[in-house]
């Protein structure tokens, strides 16, 4: 039963980092399961020119993995490190050729996530309150950042699933399309 925003905020303060770590461990498996055997046209389909394809989402996940891992490492080993605001142009510099290859992007993400998981498994469970100063957000905790990272993963898993759904199934559902609210 929902007991209001105050209770919800109270719970988030003590929410353990293990929940976020558990999701981060699952993301690569979920992606592999969802994307295995999909045709190239689906992996590169874009609902609009300014929107990402599945291949591009995978490229983004591969690129941003290093950012989160570096921030985590710094927060665990340094006292109050200063973290800069995320700048996509600085982390997503692999170019269109890399973004165009879904299988390669997924492999790069898998390798990076495996390395990241070694780091994450080494973090003491009580390190969630380690702090940093973010250039835009101010003081943040490792727990908050790990939960943002898990949320980020889920957001892109949802985005990939919606792209898959919108291209592979919705157009062929006939009159059942009226039951779906597709927003890829």
N, C-alpha and C. Protein backbone atom coordinates (compact mmCIF):
# COMPACT_ATOMS: atom_id res chain seq x y z
N UNK A 1 0.84 -1.18 0.00
CA UNK A 1 0.00 0.00 0.00
C UNK A 1 0.89 1.25 0.00
N UNK A 2 0.53 2.25 -0.77
CA UNK A 2 1.28 3.49 -0.89
C UNK A 2 0.92 4.42 0.26
N UNK A 3 1.97 4.93 0.93
CA UNK A 3 1.75 5.80 2.08
C UNK A 3 2.30 7.20 1.85
N UNK A 4 2.35 7.65 0.63
CA UNK A 4 2.73 9.03 0.35
C UNK A 4 4.19 9.21 0.02
N UNK A 5 4.49 10.41 -0.45
CA UNK A 5 5.84 10.73 -0.90
C UNK A 5 6.86 10.72 0.22
N UNK A 6 6.46 11.14 1.41
CA UNK A 6 7.42 11.18 2.52
C UNK A 6 7.94 9.78 2.83
N UNK A 7 7.05 8.82 2.86
CA UNK A 7 7.46 7.44 3.13
C UNK A 7 8.33 6.92 1.99
N UNK A 8 7.97 7.24 0.75
CA UNK A 8 8.75 6.81 -0.41
C UNK A 8 10.16 7.40 -0.34
N UNK A 9 10.28 8.68 -0.02
CA UNK A 9 11.59 9.31 0.08
C UNK A 9 12.39 8.68 1.23
N UNK A 10 11.73 8.37 2.33
CA UNK A 10 12.39 7.75 3.46
C UNK A 10 12.99 6.40 3.07
N UNK A 11 12.26 5.61 2.30
CA UNK A 11 12.75 4.31 1.87
C UNK A 11 13.97 4.46 0.95
N UNK A 12 13.97 5.45 0.07
CA UNK A 12 15.06 5.57 -0.88
C UNK A 12 16.38 5.90 -0.20
N UNK A 13 16.34 6.57 0.94
CA UNK A 13 17.55 6.93 1.64
C UNK A 13 18.34 5.69 2.07
N UNK A 14 17.64 4.64 2.46
CA UNK A 14 18.30 3.45 2.98
C UNK A 14 18.30 2.29 1.98
N UNK A 15 17.92 2.52 0.77
CA UNK A 15 17.84 1.44 -0.20
C UNK A 15 19.25 0.95 -0.51
N UNK A 16 19.52 -0.32 -0.33
CA UNK A 16 20.90 -0.82 -0.46
C UNK A 16 21.41 -0.82 -1.91
N UNK A 17 22.73 -0.73 -2.02
CA UNK A 17 23.33 -0.73 -3.36
C UNK A 17 23.20 -2.10 -4.02
N UNK A 18 22.98 -3.15 -3.25
CA UNK A 18 22.90 -4.49 -3.82
C UNK A 18 21.77 -4.61 -4.85
N UNK A 19 20.68 -3.86 -4.65
CA UNK A 19 19.58 -3.90 -5.61
C UNK A 19 20.03 -3.38 -6.97
N UNK A 20 20.75 -2.27 -6.95
CA UNK A 20 21.26 -1.71 -8.20
C UNK A 20 22.29 -2.64 -8.83
N UNK A 21 23.18 -3.19 -8.01
CA UNK A 21 24.20 -4.10 -8.54
C UNK A 21 23.57 -5.34 -9.17
N UNK A 22 22.50 -5.84 -8.57
CA UNK A 22 21.82 -7.02 -9.12
C UNK A 22 21.27 -6.73 -10.52
N UNK A 23 20.71 -5.55 -10.71
CA UNK A 23 20.20 -5.20 -12.04
C UNK A 23 21.35 -5.03 -13.02
N UNK A 24 22.41 -4.37 -12.60
CA UNK A 24 23.55 -4.16 -13.49
C UNK A 24 24.16 -5.49 -13.94
N UNK A 25 24.10 -6.50 -13.08
CA UNK A 25 24.59 -7.83 -13.46
C UNK A 25 23.70 -8.49 -14.52
N UNK A 26 22.43 -8.15 -14.55
CA UNK A 26 21.47 -8.78 -15.46
C UNK A 26 21.39 -8.13 -16.84
N UNK A 27 21.77 -6.87 -16.95
CA UNK A 27 21.53 -6.13 -18.19
C UNK A 27 22.10 -6.81 -19.42
N UNK A 28 23.35 -7.22 -19.38
CA UNK A 28 23.97 -7.84 -20.56
C UNK A 28 23.25 -9.13 -20.94
N UNK A 29 22.83 -9.89 -19.94
CA UNK A 29 22.10 -11.14 -20.20
C UNK A 29 20.76 -10.84 -20.84
N UNK A 30 20.07 -9.84 -20.32
CA UNK A 30 18.77 -9.46 -20.88
C UNK A 30 18.91 -8.98 -22.33
N UNK A 31 19.93 -8.18 -22.59
CA UNK A 31 20.15 -7.70 -23.95
C UNK A 31 20.44 -8.86 -24.90
N UNK A 32 21.33 -9.74 -24.49
CA UNK A 32 21.68 -10.90 -25.33
C UNK A 32 20.44 -11.74 -25.62
N UNK A 33 19.65 -11.98 -24.60
CA UNK A 33 18.44 -12.80 -24.77
C UNK A 33 17.45 -12.12 -25.71
N UNK A 34 17.24 -10.84 -25.52
CA UNK A 34 16.26 -10.11 -26.33
C UNK A 34 16.70 -9.97 -27.78
N UNK A 35 18.00 -9.77 -28.01
CA UNK A 35 18.48 -9.41 -29.34
C UNK A 35 19.03 -10.56 -30.16
N UNK A 36 19.24 -11.71 -29.55
CA UNK A 36 19.83 -12.84 -30.27
C UNK A 36 18.99 -13.19 -31.50
N UNK A 37 19.65 -13.24 -32.64
CA UNK A 37 19.01 -13.69 -33.87
C UNK A 37 18.13 -12.67 -34.57
N UNK A 38 18.11 -11.43 -34.13
CA UNK A 38 17.27 -10.44 -34.80
C UNK A 38 17.88 -10.03 -36.13
N UNK A 39 17.05 -9.76 -37.11
CA UNK A 39 17.56 -9.35 -38.43
C UNK A 39 18.18 -7.94 -38.38
N UNK A 40 19.14 -7.73 -39.25
CA UNK A 40 19.85 -6.44 -39.30
C UNK A 40 18.91 -5.27 -39.55
N UNK A 41 17.89 -5.46 -40.39
CA UNK A 41 17.00 -4.32 -40.66
C UNK A 41 16.29 -3.87 -39.39
N UNK A 42 15.96 -4.77 -38.50
CA UNK A 42 15.34 -4.40 -37.23
C UNK A 42 16.34 -3.68 -36.33
N UNK A 43 17.57 -4.17 -36.27
CA UNK A 43 18.59 -3.58 -35.40
C UNK A 43 18.97 -2.17 -35.83
N UNK A 44 18.76 -1.84 -37.10
CA UNK A 44 19.14 -0.53 -37.61
C UNK A 44 17.95 0.36 -37.95
N UNK A 45 16.76 -0.12 -37.71
CA UNK A 45 15.56 0.66 -37.99
C UNK A 45 15.42 1.81 -37.01
N UNK A 46 15.06 2.99 -37.55
CA UNK A 46 14.85 4.17 -36.72
C UNK A 46 13.42 4.67 -36.96
N UNK A 47 12.68 4.94 -35.90
CA UNK A 47 11.31 5.42 -36.07
C UNK A 47 11.25 6.83 -36.64
N UNK A 48 12.32 7.58 -36.51
CA UNK A 48 12.44 8.93 -37.06
C UNK A 48 13.93 9.25 -37.17
N UNK A 49 14.30 10.16 -38.07
CA UNK A 49 15.73 10.45 -38.27
C UNK A 49 16.46 10.88 -37.00
N UNK A 50 15.78 11.58 -36.11
CA UNK A 50 16.44 12.07 -34.89
C UNK A 50 16.42 11.05 -33.75
N UNK A 51 15.79 9.93 -33.94
CA UNK A 51 15.70 8.89 -32.90
C UNK A 51 16.80 7.85 -33.13
N UNK A 52 17.12 7.10 -32.08
CA UNK A 52 18.15 6.08 -32.16
C UNK A 52 17.57 4.75 -32.62
N UNK A 53 18.39 3.99 -33.31
CA UNK A 53 18.09 2.59 -33.62
C UNK A 53 18.57 1.73 -32.45
N UNK A 54 18.23 0.46 -32.47
CA UNK A 54 18.74 -0.46 -31.45
C UNK A 54 20.27 -0.46 -31.48
N UNK A 55 20.85 -0.48 -32.68
CA UNK A 55 22.31 -0.46 -32.80
C UNK A 55 22.90 0.77 -32.13
N UNK A 56 22.28 1.91 -32.30
CA UNK A 56 22.78 3.15 -31.70
C UNK A 56 22.61 3.15 -30.18
N UNK A 57 21.51 2.59 -29.69
CA UNK A 57 21.34 2.48 -28.24
C UNK A 57 22.45 1.61 -27.66
N UNK A 58 22.76 0.51 -28.34
CA UNK A 58 23.84 -0.37 -27.87
C UNK A 58 25.18 0.37 -27.89
N UNK A 59 25.42 1.20 -28.90
CA UNK A 59 26.64 2.01 -28.95
C UNK A 59 26.71 2.97 -27.78
N UNK A 60 25.59 3.59 -27.47
CA UNK A 60 25.53 4.50 -26.32
C UNK A 60 25.82 3.76 -25.02
N UNK A 61 25.21 2.60 -24.83
CA UNK A 61 25.46 1.82 -23.62
C UNK A 61 26.92 1.44 -23.49
N UNK A 62 27.54 1.05 -24.61
CA UNK A 62 28.96 0.70 -24.60
C UNK A 62 29.81 1.91 -24.23
N UNK A 63 29.46 3.06 -24.78
CA UNK A 63 30.24 4.27 -24.51
C UNK A 63 30.10 4.75 -23.07
N UNK A 64 28.91 4.75 -22.56
CA UNK A 64 28.68 5.33 -21.22
C UNK A 64 29.13 4.39 -20.11
N UNK A 65 29.32 3.13 -20.42
CA UNK A 65 29.78 2.17 -19.41
C UNK A 65 31.07 2.62 -18.74
N UNK A 66 32.00 3.10 -19.54
CA UNK A 66 33.28 3.54 -19.00
C UNK A 66 33.11 4.75 -18.09
N UNK A 67 32.22 5.65 -18.43
CA UNK A 67 31.97 6.82 -17.60
C UNK A 67 31.50 6.40 -16.21
N UNK A 68 30.49 5.54 -16.15
CA UNK A 68 29.98 5.08 -14.86
C UNK A 68 31.05 4.31 -14.07
N UNK A 69 31.80 3.47 -14.75
CA UNK A 69 32.85 2.70 -14.07
C UNK A 69 33.92 3.63 -13.50
N UNK A 70 34.35 4.62 -14.28
CA UNK A 70 35.36 5.56 -13.79
C UNK A 70 34.85 6.35 -12.59
N UNK A 71 33.61 6.80 -12.66
CA UNK A 71 33.03 7.54 -11.54
C UNK A 71 32.96 6.66 -10.28
N UNK A 72 32.55 5.41 -10.47
CA UNK A 72 32.47 4.50 -9.33
C UNK A 72 33.83 4.31 -8.71
N UNK A 73 34.82 4.03 -9.53
CA UNK A 73 36.18 3.81 -9.05
C UNK A 73 36.67 5.03 -8.27
N UNK A 74 36.43 6.20 -8.81
CA UNK A 74 36.87 7.43 -8.13
C UNK A 74 36.14 7.63 -6.81
N UNK A 75 34.85 7.35 -6.79
CA UNK A 75 34.08 7.56 -5.56
C UNK A 75 34.50 6.60 -4.45
N UNK A 76 34.96 5.41 -4.85
CA UNK A 76 35.39 4.43 -3.86
C UNK A 76 36.81 4.72 -3.37
N UNK A 77 37.66 5.25 -4.23
CA UNK A 77 39.07 5.42 -3.86
C UNK A 77 39.47 6.84 -3.47
N UNK A 78 38.67 7.84 -3.83
CA UNK A 78 39.01 9.24 -3.53
C UNK A 78 38.01 9.81 -2.53
N UNK A 79 38.46 10.81 -1.80
CA UNK A 79 37.55 11.53 -0.92
C UNK A 79 36.93 12.69 -1.69
N UNK A 80 35.62 12.67 -1.81
CA UNK A 80 34.85 13.74 -2.46
C UNK A 80 35.41 14.15 -3.83
N UNK A 81 35.56 13.20 -4.76
CA UNK A 81 36.04 13.59 -6.08
C UNK A 81 35.05 14.54 -6.77
N UNK A 82 35.57 15.34 -7.64
CA UNK A 82 34.73 16.25 -8.43
C UNK A 82 34.44 15.56 -9.75
N UNK A 83 33.17 15.42 -10.06
CA UNK A 83 32.73 14.74 -11.28
C UNK A 83 32.10 15.75 -12.22
N UNK A 84 32.49 15.69 -13.46
CA UNK A 84 31.94 16.61 -14.45
C UNK A 84 30.61 16.10 -14.99
N UNK A 85 29.78 17.02 -15.39
CA UNK A 85 28.50 16.71 -16.02
C UNK A 85 28.75 15.84 -17.25
N UNK A 86 27.85 14.90 -17.51
CA UNK A 86 27.96 14.04 -18.69
C UNK A 86 27.84 14.87 -19.95
N UNK A 87 28.80 14.73 -20.83
CA UNK A 87 28.79 15.40 -22.12
C UNK A 87 28.83 14.32 -23.20
N UNK A 88 27.71 14.04 -23.86
CA UNK A 88 27.66 12.96 -24.85
C UNK A 88 28.76 13.03 -25.91
N UNK A 89 29.08 14.21 -26.35
CA UNK A 89 30.10 14.33 -27.40
C UNK A 89 31.45 13.81 -26.94
N UNK A 90 31.72 13.87 -25.63
CA UNK A 90 33.02 13.43 -25.12
C UNK A 90 33.10 11.92 -24.94
N UNK A 91 31.97 11.26 -24.71
CA UNK A 91 32.02 9.82 -24.49
C UNK A 91 31.59 9.03 -25.71
N UNK A 92 30.83 9.64 -26.57
CA UNK A 92 30.32 8.91 -27.72
C UNK A 92 31.11 9.29 -28.97
N UNK A 93 32.41 9.18 -28.89
CA UNK A 93 33.27 9.62 -29.95
C UNK A 93 33.74 8.52 -30.88
N UNK A 94 33.08 7.39 -30.91
CA UNK A 94 33.55 6.29 -31.74
C UNK A 94 33.10 6.44 -33.18
N UNK A 95 32.20 7.34 -33.44
CA UNK A 95 31.80 7.63 -34.82
C UNK A 95 30.69 6.75 -35.33
N UNK A 96 30.14 7.16 -36.47
CA UNK A 96 29.00 6.47 -37.06
C UNK A 96 29.29 5.03 -37.46
N UNK A 97 30.53 4.73 -37.83
CA UNK A 97 30.86 3.36 -38.24
C UNK A 97 30.63 2.40 -37.08
N UNK A 98 31.05 2.80 -35.89
CA UNK A 98 30.86 1.94 -34.73
C UNK A 98 29.39 1.85 -34.37
N UNK A 99 28.69 2.96 -34.42
CA UNK A 99 27.28 2.96 -34.08
C UNK A 99 26.45 2.13 -35.05
N UNK A 100 26.96 1.92 -36.23
CA UNK A 100 26.19 1.21 -37.23
C UNK A 100 26.21 -0.31 -37.05
N UNK A 101 27.09 -0.84 -36.22
CA UNK A 101 27.22 -2.28 -36.10
C UNK A 101 26.68 -2.76 -34.75
N UNK A 102 25.46 -3.27 -34.76
CA UNK A 102 24.81 -3.70 -33.52
C UNK A 102 25.56 -4.81 -32.82
N UNK A 103 25.99 -5.81 -33.55
CA UNK A 103 26.69 -6.95 -32.94
C UNK A 103 27.99 -6.50 -32.28
N UNK A 104 28.74 -5.63 -32.95
CA UNK A 104 29.98 -5.13 -32.38
C UNK A 104 29.71 -4.27 -31.15
N UNK A 105 28.70 -3.41 -31.23
CA UNK A 105 28.35 -2.58 -30.08
C UNK A 105 27.95 -3.43 -28.89
N UNK A 106 27.19 -4.48 -29.14
CA UNK A 106 26.79 -5.37 -28.05
C UNK A 106 28.01 -6.07 -27.45
N UNK A 107 28.93 -6.49 -28.27
CA UNK A 107 30.14 -7.14 -27.77
C UNK A 107 31.00 -6.18 -26.96
N UNK A 108 31.15 -4.95 -27.44
CA UNK A 108 31.91 -3.94 -26.70
C UNK A 108 31.24 -3.71 -25.34
N UNK A 109 29.92 -3.60 -25.33
CA UNK A 109 29.20 -3.41 -24.07
C UNK A 109 29.42 -4.61 -23.14
N UNK A 110 29.29 -5.83 -23.68
CA UNK A 110 29.50 -7.04 -22.87
C UNK A 110 30.88 -7.05 -22.22
N UNK A 111 31.91 -6.77 -23.00
CA UNK A 111 33.29 -6.76 -22.46
C UNK A 111 33.43 -5.71 -21.37
N UNK A 112 32.92 -4.52 -21.65
CA UNK A 112 33.04 -3.43 -20.67
C UNK A 112 32.24 -3.76 -19.41
N UNK A 113 31.05 -4.31 -19.55
CA UNK A 113 30.24 -4.62 -18.38
C UNK A 113 30.87 -5.73 -17.55
N UNK A 114 31.47 -6.73 -18.22
CA UNK A 114 32.17 -7.79 -17.45
C UNK A 114 33.26 -7.18 -16.59
N UNK A 115 34.04 -6.28 -17.16
CA UNK A 115 35.11 -5.62 -16.40
C UNK A 115 34.52 -4.77 -15.28
N UNK A 116 33.44 -4.08 -15.57
CA UNK A 116 32.79 -3.25 -14.56
C UNK A 116 32.26 -4.10 -13.41
N UNK A 117 31.72 -5.27 -13.72
CA UNK A 117 31.17 -6.12 -12.67
C UNK A 117 32.25 -6.59 -11.70
N UNK A 118 33.47 -6.79 -12.20
CA UNK A 118 34.58 -7.13 -11.31
C UNK A 118 34.76 -5.99 -10.29
N UNK A 119 34.76 -4.77 -10.78
CA UNK A 119 34.88 -3.61 -9.91
C UNK A 119 33.70 -3.54 -8.93
N UNK A 120 32.48 -3.66 -9.45
CA UNK A 120 31.29 -3.51 -8.61
C UNK A 120 31.21 -4.58 -7.53
N UNK A 121 31.63 -5.79 -7.84
CA UNK A 121 31.59 -6.87 -6.85
C UNK A 121 32.62 -6.67 -5.74
N UNK A 122 33.61 -5.83 -6.01
CA UNK A 122 34.64 -5.58 -5.00
C UNK A 122 34.28 -4.44 -4.05
N UNK A 123 33.20 -3.74 -4.32
CA UNK A 123 32.80 -2.60 -3.48
C UNK A 123 32.22 -3.12 -2.17
N UNK A 124 32.72 -2.64 -1.06
CA UNK A 124 32.13 -3.03 0.23
C UNK A 124 30.66 -2.59 0.28
N UNK A 125 29.78 -3.44 0.81
CA UNK A 125 28.35 -3.11 0.85
C UNK A 125 28.04 -1.79 1.56
N UNK A 126 28.89 -1.37 2.46
CA UNK A 126 28.63 -0.13 3.20
C UNK A 126 29.20 1.11 2.51
N UNK A 127 29.69 0.99 1.28
CA UNK A 127 30.30 2.13 0.60
C UNK A 127 29.28 2.99 -0.14
N UNK A 128 28.02 2.66 -0.04
CA UNK A 128 26.98 3.43 -0.73
C UNK A 128 26.91 4.89 -0.34
N UNK A 129 27.40 5.22 0.83
CA UNK A 129 27.34 6.61 1.28
C UNK A 129 28.61 7.40 0.95
N UNK A 130 29.53 6.79 0.20
CA UNK A 130 30.69 7.53 -0.30
C UNK A 130 30.15 8.68 -1.15
N UNK A 131 30.81 9.81 -1.10
CA UNK A 131 30.29 11.01 -1.73
C UNK A 131 31.23 11.58 -2.79
N UNK A 132 30.61 12.33 -3.70
CA UNK A 132 31.34 13.08 -4.72
C UNK A 132 30.60 14.40 -4.93
N UNK A 133 31.25 15.33 -5.61
CA UNK A 133 30.60 16.58 -5.97
C UNK A 133 30.45 16.58 -7.49
N UNK A 134 29.21 16.57 -7.93
CA UNK A 134 28.88 16.58 -9.36
C UNK A 134 28.74 18.03 -9.81
N UNK A 135 29.33 18.36 -10.95
CA UNK A 135 29.36 19.76 -11.41
C UNK A 135 27.98 20.36 -11.63
N UNK A 136 26.99 19.56 -11.88
CA UNK A 136 25.62 20.07 -12.09
C UNK A 136 24.71 19.76 -10.91
N UNK A 137 24.84 18.58 -10.32
CA UNK A 137 23.90 18.12 -9.30
C UNK A 137 24.33 18.43 -7.87
N UNK A 138 25.58 18.80 -7.69
CA UNK A 138 26.08 19.03 -6.33
C UNK A 138 26.53 17.72 -5.71
N UNK A 139 26.37 17.61 -4.40
CA UNK A 139 26.84 16.43 -3.69
C UNK A 139 25.94 15.23 -4.00
N UNK A 140 26.58 14.13 -4.35
CA UNK A 140 25.86 12.88 -4.63
C UNK A 140 26.52 11.75 -3.87
N UNK A 141 25.78 10.65 -3.68
CA UNK A 141 26.36 9.47 -3.04
C UNK A 141 26.57 8.39 -4.10
N UNK A 142 27.42 7.46 -3.77
CA UNK A 142 27.64 6.32 -4.66
C UNK A 142 26.33 5.54 -4.82
N UNK A 143 25.59 5.39 -3.74
CA UNK A 143 24.30 4.69 -3.80
C UNK A 143 23.38 5.35 -4.82
N UNK A 144 23.29 6.67 -4.77
CA UNK A 144 22.42 7.39 -5.72
C UNK A 144 22.88 7.18 -7.15
N UNK A 145 24.19 7.24 -7.37
CA UNK A 145 24.70 7.06 -8.73
C UNK A 145 24.48 5.64 -9.22
N UNK A 146 24.67 4.65 -8.37
CA UNK A 146 24.44 3.26 -8.78
C UNK A 146 22.96 3.03 -9.11
N UNK A 147 22.08 3.67 -8.38
CA UNK A 147 20.66 3.54 -8.69
C UNK A 147 20.30 4.26 -9.98
N UNK A 148 20.95 5.39 -10.25
CA UNK A 148 20.75 6.07 -11.53
C UNK A 148 21.25 5.17 -12.66
N UNK A 149 22.38 4.53 -12.46
CA UNK A 149 22.96 3.65 -13.47
C UNK A 149 22.01 2.50 -13.78
N UNK A 150 21.45 1.88 -12.74
CA UNK A 150 20.48 0.80 -12.95
C UNK A 150 19.24 1.32 -13.66
N UNK A 151 18.78 2.50 -13.27
CA UNK A 151 17.63 3.11 -13.92
C UNK A 151 17.94 3.40 -15.39
N UNK A 152 19.14 3.88 -15.66
CA UNK A 152 19.57 4.15 -17.03
C UNK A 152 19.53 2.87 -17.86
N UNK A 153 20.06 1.78 -17.30
CA UNK A 153 20.01 0.49 -18.00
C UNK A 153 18.57 0.11 -18.32
N UNK A 154 17.70 0.18 -17.33
CA UNK A 154 16.30 -0.20 -17.54
C UNK A 154 15.62 0.69 -18.58
N UNK A 155 15.93 1.98 -18.54
CA UNK A 155 15.35 2.89 -19.53
C UNK A 155 15.73 2.50 -20.95
N UNK A 156 16.99 2.12 -21.15
CA UNK A 156 17.41 1.73 -22.49
C UNK A 156 16.94 0.32 -22.85
N UNK A 157 16.80 -0.56 -21.87
CA UNK A 157 16.18 -1.87 -22.16
C UNK A 157 14.75 -1.66 -22.64
N UNK A 158 14.04 -0.77 -21.98
CA UNK A 158 12.67 -0.45 -22.39
C UNK A 158 12.66 0.16 -23.80
N UNK A 159 13.60 1.07 -24.05
CA UNK A 159 13.69 1.70 -25.37
C UNK A 159 13.94 0.65 -26.46
N UNK A 160 14.86 -0.26 -26.21
CA UNK A 160 15.16 -1.32 -27.18
C UNK A 160 13.94 -2.21 -27.39
N UNK A 161 13.27 -2.59 -26.30
CA UNK A 161 12.08 -3.43 -26.42
C UNK A 161 10.99 -2.71 -27.22
N UNK A 162 10.85 -1.41 -27.01
CA UNK A 162 9.82 -0.65 -27.73
C UNK A 162 10.16 -0.53 -29.21
N UNK A 163 11.44 -0.36 -29.54
CA UNK A 163 11.85 -0.34 -30.94
C UNK A 163 11.56 -1.68 -31.61
N UNK A 164 11.88 -2.75 -30.92
CA UNK A 164 11.63 -4.11 -31.41
C UNK A 164 10.13 -4.30 -31.63
N UNK A 165 9.36 -3.96 -30.64
CA UNK A 165 7.90 -4.10 -30.70
C UNK A 165 7.30 -3.29 -31.85
N UNK A 166 7.74 -2.03 -31.98
CA UNK A 166 7.17 -1.13 -32.98
C UNK A 166 7.48 -1.56 -34.40
N UNK A 167 8.63 -2.17 -34.61
CA UNK A 167 9.01 -2.53 -35.97
C UNK A 167 8.63 -3.97 -36.33
N UNK A 168 8.77 -4.89 -35.41
CA UNK A 168 8.60 -6.31 -35.73
C UNK A 168 7.17 -6.82 -35.54
N UNK A 169 6.42 -6.26 -34.62
CA UNK A 169 5.13 -6.86 -34.28
C UNK A 169 3.93 -5.96 -34.49
N UNK A 170 4.01 -4.72 -34.03
CA UNK A 170 2.87 -3.83 -34.09
C UNK A 170 2.30 -3.67 -35.50
N UNK A 171 3.13 -3.46 -36.52
CA UNK A 171 2.58 -3.26 -37.86
C UNK A 171 1.80 -4.47 -38.39
N UNK A 172 2.05 -5.62 -37.83
CA UNK A 172 1.44 -6.85 -38.34
C UNK A 172 0.31 -7.37 -37.45
N UNK A 173 -0.10 -6.57 -36.48
CA UNK A 173 -1.11 -7.01 -35.52
C UNK A 173 -2.54 -6.71 -35.97
N UNK A 174 -2.69 -6.16 -37.17
CA UNK A 174 -4.03 -5.91 -37.70
C UNK A 174 -4.85 -5.04 -36.76
N UNK A 175 -6.10 -5.42 -36.56
CA UNK A 175 -6.98 -4.59 -35.72
C UNK A 175 -6.54 -4.52 -34.26
N UNK A 176 -5.69 -5.43 -33.82
CA UNK A 176 -5.20 -5.40 -32.44
C UNK A 176 -4.29 -4.19 -32.17
N UNK A 177 -3.81 -3.54 -33.24
CA UNK A 177 -2.95 -2.36 -33.07
C UNK A 177 -3.61 -1.29 -32.21
N UNK A 178 -4.94 -1.24 -32.24
CA UNK A 178 -5.62 -0.21 -31.48
C UNK A 178 -5.40 -0.36 -29.97
N UNK A 179 -4.99 -1.53 -29.53
CA UNK A 179 -4.75 -1.77 -28.10
C UNK A 179 -3.35 -1.35 -27.66
N UNK A 180 -2.50 -1.02 -28.59
CA UNK A 180 -1.12 -0.67 -28.26
C UNK A 180 -0.88 0.82 -28.39
N UNK A 181 -0.13 1.35 -27.48
CA UNK A 181 0.28 2.74 -27.51
C UNK A 181 1.79 2.74 -27.79
N UNK A 182 2.13 2.65 -29.05
CA UNK A 182 3.53 2.52 -29.47
C UNK A 182 4.21 3.88 -29.45
N UNK A 183 5.36 3.94 -28.75
CA UNK A 183 6.17 5.17 -28.71
C UNK A 183 7.65 4.81 -28.75
N UNK A 184 8.12 4.37 -29.92
CA UNK A 184 9.53 3.93 -30.00
C UNK A 184 10.53 5.07 -29.94
